[in-house]
């Protein structure tokens, strides 16, 4: 792929992602929910959801995350999803989240942890 085509492909990808986020914002507002955005450079795949260790040498081909600090072994995508959830919850608890139309919001959130499985749930709105 030539550099020119690469830049075009990147622009198309960015435009598609932007459209997707716009649709999510619309649906969140429609249902009275909050869309929480996290920093695009947050290392969600490289961070251990269990202990917080950041593994710098994680290759894109690695499908499992093995933490050298605590020994946690987990599917890479599941690890990233848990980190994204935790980061979103941190943003909410820090009061840095607004409704998608920019108006401030006071949150009444319920955050629960199920003992049998380590899944977290969040209900806001």
N, C-alpha and C. Protein backbone atom coordinates (compact mmCIF):
# COMPACT_ATOMS: atom_id res chain seq x y z
N UNK A 1 0.85 -1.16 0.00
CA UNK A 1 0.00 0.00 0.00
C UNK A 1 0.90 1.24 0.00
N UNK A 2 0.64 2.14 -0.89
CA UNK A 2 1.45 3.35 -0.96
C UNK A 2 1.12 4.26 0.22
N UNK A 3 2.05 5.17 0.56
CA UNK A 3 1.79 6.08 1.67
C UNK A 3 0.52 6.91 1.45
N UNK A 4 0.27 7.26 0.20
CA UNK A 4 -0.91 8.06 -0.10
C UNK A 4 -2.19 7.27 0.23
N UNK A 5 -2.23 6.01 -0.19
CA UNK A 5 -3.39 5.17 0.10
C UNK A 5 -3.52 4.90 1.60
N UNK A 6 -2.40 4.77 2.27
CA UNK A 6 -2.42 4.54 3.72
C UNK A 6 -3.09 5.72 4.43
N UNK A 7 -2.74 6.94 4.03
CA UNK A 7 -3.34 8.12 4.65
C UNK A 7 -4.83 8.19 4.35
N UNK A 8 -5.22 7.80 3.15
CA UNK A 8 -6.64 7.78 2.79
C UNK A 8 -7.37 6.74 3.64
N UNK A 9 -6.78 5.56 3.78
CA UNK A 9 -7.40 4.51 4.59
C UNK A 9 -7.53 4.95 6.04
N UNK A 10 -6.52 5.64 6.55
CA UNK A 10 -6.58 6.15 7.92
C UNK A 10 -7.69 7.18 8.07
N UNK A 11 -7.83 8.05 7.09
CA UNK A 11 -8.89 9.06 7.13
C UNK A 11 -10.27 8.43 7.10
N UNK A 12 -10.44 7.41 6.25
CA UNK A 12 -11.72 6.70 6.17
C UNK A 12 -12.02 6.01 7.49
N UNK A 13 -11.02 5.38 8.06
CA UNK A 13 -11.19 4.70 9.35
C UNK A 13 -11.56 5.69 10.44
N UNK A 14 -10.88 6.83 10.49
CA UNK A 14 -11.18 7.86 11.49
C UNK A 14 -12.60 8.38 11.32
N UNK A 15 -13.02 8.59 10.07
CA UNK A 15 -14.37 9.08 9.79
C UNK A 15 -15.41 8.05 10.23
N UNK A 16 -15.14 6.77 9.97
CA UNK A 16 -16.07 5.72 10.38
C UNK A 16 -16.18 5.65 11.89
N UNK A 17 -15.06 5.74 12.58
CA UNK A 17 -15.08 5.70 14.04
C UNK A 17 -15.84 6.90 14.58
N UNK A 18 -15.60 8.06 13.98
CA UNK A 18 -16.29 9.27 14.41
C UNK A 18 -17.81 9.13 14.24
N UNK A 19 -18.23 8.55 13.14
CA UNK A 19 -19.66 8.33 12.88
C UNK A 19 -20.24 7.38 13.92
N UNK A 20 -19.51 6.32 14.24
CA UNK A 20 -19.96 5.35 15.24
C UNK A 20 -20.13 6.02 16.60
N UNK A 21 -19.16 6.84 17.01
CA UNK A 21 -19.24 7.54 18.30
C UNK A 21 -20.42 8.51 18.30
N UNK A 22 -20.65 9.19 17.18
CA UNK A 22 -21.79 10.09 17.06
C UNK A 22 -23.10 9.35 17.26
N UNK A 23 -23.22 8.16 16.67
CA UNK A 23 -24.43 7.36 16.83
C UNK A 23 -24.59 6.90 18.28
N UNK A 24 -23.49 6.51 18.92
CA UNK A 24 -23.56 6.12 20.34
C UNK A 24 -24.01 7.29 21.21
N UNK A 25 -23.47 8.47 20.93
CA UNK A 25 -23.86 9.66 21.69
C UNK A 25 -25.35 9.93 21.54
N UNK A 26 -25.85 9.81 20.32
CA UNK A 26 -27.26 10.04 20.04
C UNK A 26 -28.13 9.05 20.81
N UNK A 27 -27.79 7.77 20.75
CA UNK A 27 -28.57 6.74 21.43
C UNK A 27 -28.50 6.91 22.96
N UNK A 28 -27.34 7.27 23.47
CA UNK A 28 -27.21 7.49 24.91
C UNK A 28 -28.12 8.63 25.35
N UNK A 29 -28.11 9.71 24.60
CA UNK A 29 -28.97 10.85 24.92
C UNK A 29 -30.44 10.47 24.81
N UNK A 30 -30.79 9.72 23.78
CA UNK A 30 -32.16 9.28 23.53
C UNK A 30 -32.72 8.50 24.73
N UNK A 31 -31.88 7.63 25.29
CA UNK A 31 -32.32 6.80 26.41
C UNK A 31 -31.97 7.39 27.78
N UNK A 32 -31.47 8.62 27.80
CA UNK A 32 -31.14 9.27 29.06
C UNK A 32 -29.95 8.66 29.77
N UNK A 33 -29.03 8.11 29.00
CA UNK A 33 -27.85 7.46 29.56
C UNK A 33 -26.62 8.32 29.33
N UNK A 34 -25.54 7.90 29.91
CA UNK A 34 -24.28 8.62 29.80
C UNK A 34 -23.29 7.79 28.99
N UNK A 35 -22.67 8.41 28.01
CA UNK A 35 -21.60 7.77 27.27
C UNK A 35 -20.28 8.24 27.87
N UNK A 36 -19.52 7.32 28.39
CA UNK A 36 -18.25 7.65 29.02
C UNK A 36 -17.14 7.34 28.03
N UNK A 37 -16.37 8.36 27.68
CA UNK A 37 -15.24 8.18 26.78
C UNK A 37 -13.96 8.13 27.61
N UNK A 38 -13.07 7.24 27.22
CA UNK A 38 -11.77 7.19 27.88
C UNK A 38 -10.71 7.63 26.88
N UNK A 39 -9.56 8.00 27.39
CA UNK A 39 -8.45 8.46 26.56
C UNK A 39 -8.07 7.37 25.55
N UNK A 40 -7.95 7.76 24.30
CA UNK A 40 -7.64 6.78 23.25
C UNK A 40 -6.27 6.13 23.44
N UNK A 41 -5.39 6.75 24.22
CA UNK A 41 -4.06 6.20 24.44
C UNK A 41 -3.95 5.46 25.78
N UNK A 42 -5.07 5.27 26.46
CA UNK A 42 -5.06 4.49 27.71
C UNK A 42 -4.66 3.06 27.37
N UNK A 43 -3.63 2.50 28.03
CA UNK A 43 -3.12 1.18 27.66
C UNK A 43 -3.97 0.03 28.21
N UNK A 44 -5.22 -0.06 27.74
CA UNK A 44 -6.15 -1.05 28.31
C UNK A 44 -5.73 -2.49 28.03
N UNK A 45 -5.09 -2.75 26.91
CA UNK A 45 -4.65 -4.12 26.61
C UNK A 45 -3.38 -4.49 27.35
N UNK A 46 -2.56 -3.50 27.66
CA UNK A 46 -1.25 -3.77 28.25
C UNK A 46 -1.25 -3.71 29.77
N UNK A 47 -2.38 -3.33 30.37
CA UNK A 47 -2.47 -3.18 31.81
C UNK A 47 -3.17 -4.39 32.42
N UNK A 48 -2.60 -4.96 33.46
CA UNK A 48 -3.23 -6.08 34.15
C UNK A 48 -4.44 -5.57 34.92
N UNK A 49 -5.61 -6.12 34.65
CA UNK A 49 -6.82 -5.67 35.35
C UNK A 49 -6.80 -6.06 36.82
N UNK A 50 -5.95 -7.01 37.17
CA UNK A 50 -5.90 -7.52 38.54
C UNK A 50 -5.00 -6.68 39.45
N UNK A 51 -3.78 -6.36 38.97
CA UNK A 51 -2.83 -5.65 39.84
C UNK A 51 -2.41 -4.28 39.29
N UNK A 52 -2.73 -3.98 38.02
CA UNK A 52 -2.40 -2.68 37.45
C UNK A 52 -1.04 -2.59 36.78
N UNK A 53 -0.29 -3.69 36.75
CA UNK A 53 1.03 -3.69 36.11
C UNK A 53 0.87 -3.45 34.61
N UNK A 54 1.72 -2.60 34.03
CA UNK A 54 1.70 -2.33 32.59
C UNK A 54 2.81 -3.13 31.93
N UNK A 55 2.41 -3.99 31.01
CA UNK A 55 3.35 -4.86 30.28
C UNK A 55 3.66 -4.20 28.94
N UNK A 56 4.84 -3.59 28.83
CA UNK A 56 5.20 -2.82 27.64
C UNK A 56 5.45 -3.68 26.41
N UNK A 57 5.86 -4.93 26.60
CA UNK A 57 6.27 -5.76 25.46
C UNK A 57 5.15 -6.66 24.93
N UNK A 58 3.90 -6.30 25.13
CA UNK A 58 2.78 -7.09 24.64
C UNK A 58 2.64 -6.91 23.12
N UNK A 59 2.77 -8.01 22.39
CA UNK A 59 2.67 -7.97 20.93
C UNK A 59 1.20 -8.05 20.50
N UNK A 60 0.90 -7.50 19.35
CA UNK A 60 -0.46 -7.54 18.83
C UNK A 60 -0.93 -8.97 18.60
N UNK A 61 -0.01 -9.86 18.33
CA UNK A 61 -0.36 -11.27 18.07
C UNK A 61 -0.64 -12.05 19.36
N UNK A 62 -0.27 -11.50 20.51
CA UNK A 62 -0.53 -12.17 21.79
C UNK A 62 -2.03 -12.13 22.09
N UNK A 63 -2.67 -13.28 22.16
CA UNK A 63 -4.11 -13.33 22.41
C UNK A 63 -4.44 -13.48 23.89
N UNK A 64 -3.45 -13.80 24.69
CA UNK A 64 -3.64 -13.90 26.14
C UNK A 64 -2.68 -12.97 26.84
N UNK A 65 -3.15 -12.39 27.92
CA UNK A 65 -2.32 -11.51 28.73
C UNK A 65 -1.86 -12.31 29.95
N UNK A 66 -0.55 -12.43 30.10
CA UNK A 66 0.03 -13.07 31.27
C UNK A 66 0.81 -12.00 32.02
N UNK A 67 0.38 -11.71 33.22
CA UNK A 67 1.02 -10.65 34.00
C UNK A 67 2.30 -11.18 34.65
N UNK A 68 3.44 -10.53 34.38
CA UNK A 68 4.69 -10.96 35.01
C UNK A 68 4.75 -10.58 36.50
N UNK A 69 3.86 -9.70 36.93
CA UNK A 69 3.86 -9.24 38.31
C UNK A 69 3.04 -10.16 39.23
N UNK A 70 1.79 -10.47 38.83
CA UNK A 70 0.92 -11.27 39.72
C UNK A 70 0.57 -12.64 39.15
N UNK A 71 0.96 -12.92 37.89
CA UNK A 71 0.71 -14.22 37.29
C UNK A 71 -0.66 -14.39 36.67
N UNK A 72 -1.48 -13.35 36.64
CA UNK A 72 -2.82 -13.42 36.06
C UNK A 72 -2.74 -13.85 34.59
N UNK A 73 -3.57 -14.80 34.19
CA UNK A 73 -3.66 -15.25 32.80
C UNK A 73 -5.10 -15.04 32.36
N UNK A 74 -5.30 -14.22 31.32
CA UNK A 74 -6.64 -13.86 30.87
C UNK A 74 -6.62 -13.55 29.38
N UNK A 75 -7.74 -13.77 28.72
CA UNK A 75 -7.87 -13.39 27.32
C UNK A 75 -7.59 -11.90 27.19
N UNK A 76 -6.82 -11.53 26.19
CA UNK A 76 -6.40 -10.15 26.01
C UNK A 76 -7.59 -9.19 25.89
N UNK A 77 -8.61 -9.58 25.10
CA UNK A 77 -9.77 -8.71 24.89
C UNK A 77 -10.60 -8.57 26.17
N UNK A 78 -10.73 -9.64 26.92
CA UNK A 78 -11.47 -9.58 28.19
C UNK A 78 -10.72 -8.69 29.19
N UNK A 79 -9.40 -8.82 29.23
CA UNK A 79 -8.59 -7.96 30.09
C UNK A 79 -8.80 -6.49 29.72
N UNK A 80 -8.76 -6.19 28.42
CA UNK A 80 -8.95 -4.81 27.96
C UNK A 80 -10.35 -4.31 28.32
N UNK A 81 -11.36 -5.15 28.14
CA UNK A 81 -12.74 -4.75 28.45
C UNK A 81 -12.89 -4.42 29.94
N UNK A 82 -12.28 -5.22 30.80
CA UNK A 82 -12.35 -4.96 32.24
C UNK A 82 -11.64 -3.65 32.58
N UNK A 83 -10.52 -3.39 31.92
CA UNK A 83 -9.79 -2.14 32.16
C UNK A 83 -10.58 -0.93 31.67
N UNK A 84 -11.26 -1.06 30.52
CA UNK A 84 -12.08 0.03 30.00
C UNK A 84 -13.23 0.32 30.97
N UNK A 85 -13.87 -0.73 31.46
CA UNK A 85 -14.95 -0.55 32.44
C UNK A 85 -14.43 0.16 33.69
N UNK A 86 -13.30 -0.30 34.22
CA UNK A 86 -12.74 0.31 35.42
C UNK A 86 -12.37 1.78 35.19
N UNK A 87 -11.81 2.09 34.02
CA UNK A 87 -11.43 3.47 33.71
C UNK A 87 -12.68 4.35 33.59
N UNK A 88 -13.72 3.82 32.96
CA UNK A 88 -14.97 4.56 32.87
C UNK A 88 -15.57 4.83 34.25
N UNK A 89 -15.53 3.83 35.12
CA UNK A 89 -16.04 4.00 36.49
C UNK A 89 -15.21 5.02 37.25
N UNK A 90 -13.89 5.03 37.03
CA UNK A 90 -13.03 6.04 37.68
C UNK A 90 -13.42 7.44 37.20
N UNK A 91 -13.67 7.58 35.90
CA UNK A 91 -14.07 8.88 35.36
C UNK A 91 -15.40 9.33 35.96
N UNK A 92 -16.32 8.40 36.11
CA UNK A 92 -17.62 8.74 36.70
C UNK A 92 -17.46 9.14 38.16
N UNK A 93 -16.72 8.37 38.93
CA UNK A 93 -16.57 8.67 40.35
C UNK A 93 -15.77 9.95 40.58
N UNK A 94 -14.93 10.32 39.62
CA UNK A 94 -14.17 11.56 39.73
C UNK A 94 -15.01 12.77 39.33
N UNK A 95 -16.22 12.51 38.79
CA UNK A 95 -17.10 13.60 38.39
C UNK A 95 -16.69 14.27 37.10
N UNK A 96 -15.96 13.56 36.24
CA UNK A 96 -15.48 14.16 34.99
C UNK A 96 -16.34 13.80 33.79
N UNK A 97 -17.52 13.22 34.02
CA UNK A 97 -18.37 12.77 32.93
C UNK A 97 -19.56 13.71 32.78
N UNK A 98 -19.87 14.09 31.54
CA UNK A 98 -21.03 14.92 31.23
C UNK A 98 -21.97 14.15 30.33
N UNK A 99 -23.23 14.59 30.28
CA UNK A 99 -24.13 14.07 29.26
C UNK A 99 -23.53 14.40 27.91
N UNK A 100 -23.93 13.68 26.89
CA UNK A 100 -23.33 13.86 25.57
C UNK A 100 -23.59 15.24 24.99
N UNK A 101 -24.62 15.97 25.47
CA UNK A 101 -24.85 17.31 24.93
C UNK A 101 -24.08 18.37 25.70
N UNK A 102 -23.23 17.95 26.63
CA UNK A 102 -22.35 18.88 27.32
C UNK A 102 -22.91 19.45 28.61
N UNK A 103 -24.18 19.20 28.94
CA UNK A 103 -24.73 19.69 30.19
C UNK A 103 -24.18 18.86 31.34
N UNK A 104 -23.89 19.52 32.44
CA UNK A 104 -23.38 18.80 33.60
C UNK A 104 -24.41 17.81 34.12
N UNK A 105 -23.95 16.80 34.81
CA UNK A 105 -24.87 15.79 35.33
C UNK A 105 -24.43 15.36 36.71
N UNK A 106 -25.38 15.14 37.57
CA UNK A 106 -25.10 14.55 38.88
C UNK A 106 -25.46 13.09 38.79
N UNK A 107 -24.55 12.24 39.14
CA UNK A 107 -24.72 10.82 38.92
C UNK A 107 -25.24 10.10 40.16
N UNK A 108 -26.14 9.17 39.90
CA UNK A 108 -26.58 8.23 40.92
C UNK A 108 -26.28 6.86 40.35
N UNK A 109 -25.16 6.30 40.71
CA UNK A 109 -24.70 5.05 40.10
C UNK A 109 -24.66 3.93 41.13
N UNK A 110 -24.90 2.75 40.62
CA UNK A 110 -24.79 1.55 41.45
C UNK A 110 -23.69 0.69 40.85
N UNK A 111 -22.70 0.39 41.63
CA UNK A 111 -21.57 -0.41 41.17
C UNK A 111 -21.52 -1.65 42.04
N UNK A 112 -21.73 -2.81 41.44
CA UNK A 112 -21.75 -4.03 42.25
C UNK A 112 -20.75 -5.04 41.71
N UNK A 113 -20.26 -5.85 42.60
CA UNK A 113 -19.31 -6.89 42.24
C UNK A 113 -19.92 -8.23 42.63
N UNK A 114 -20.09 -9.12 41.65
CA UNK A 114 -20.66 -10.43 41.92
C UNK A 114 -19.54 -11.35 42.38
N UNK A 115 -19.74 -12.07 43.47
CA UNK A 115 -18.68 -12.90 44.03
C UNK A 115 -18.37 -14.12 43.18
N UNK A 116 -19.39 -14.75 42.58
CA UNK A 116 -19.13 -15.98 41.84
C UNK A 116 -18.30 -15.74 40.58
N UNK A 117 -18.48 -14.59 39.98
CA UNK A 117 -17.69 -14.21 38.82
C UNK A 117 -17.22 -12.79 39.07
N UNK A 118 -16.08 -12.44 38.54
CA UNK A 118 -15.59 -11.10 38.80
C UNK A 118 -16.04 -10.13 37.71
N UNK A 119 -17.35 -10.11 37.42
CA UNK A 119 -17.91 -9.16 36.46
C UNK A 119 -18.46 -7.98 37.24
N UNK A 120 -18.29 -6.80 36.69
CA UNK A 120 -18.80 -5.60 37.33
C UNK A 120 -19.97 -5.08 36.52
N UNK A 121 -20.96 -4.56 37.20
CA UNK A 121 -22.09 -3.97 36.49
C UNK A 121 -22.23 -2.52 36.91
N UNK A 122 -22.78 -1.72 36.02
CA UNK A 122 -22.93 -0.30 36.26
C UNK A 122 -24.29 0.13 35.76
N UNK A 123 -25.03 0.81 36.60
CA UNK A 123 -26.32 1.36 36.19
C UNK A 123 -26.31 2.83 36.53
N UNK A 124 -26.43 3.68 35.52
CA UNK A 124 -26.43 5.12 35.72
C UNK A 124 -27.65 5.72 35.05
N UNK A 125 -28.06 6.87 35.55
CA UNK A 125 -29.12 7.57 34.84
C UNK A 125 -30.28 7.91 35.68
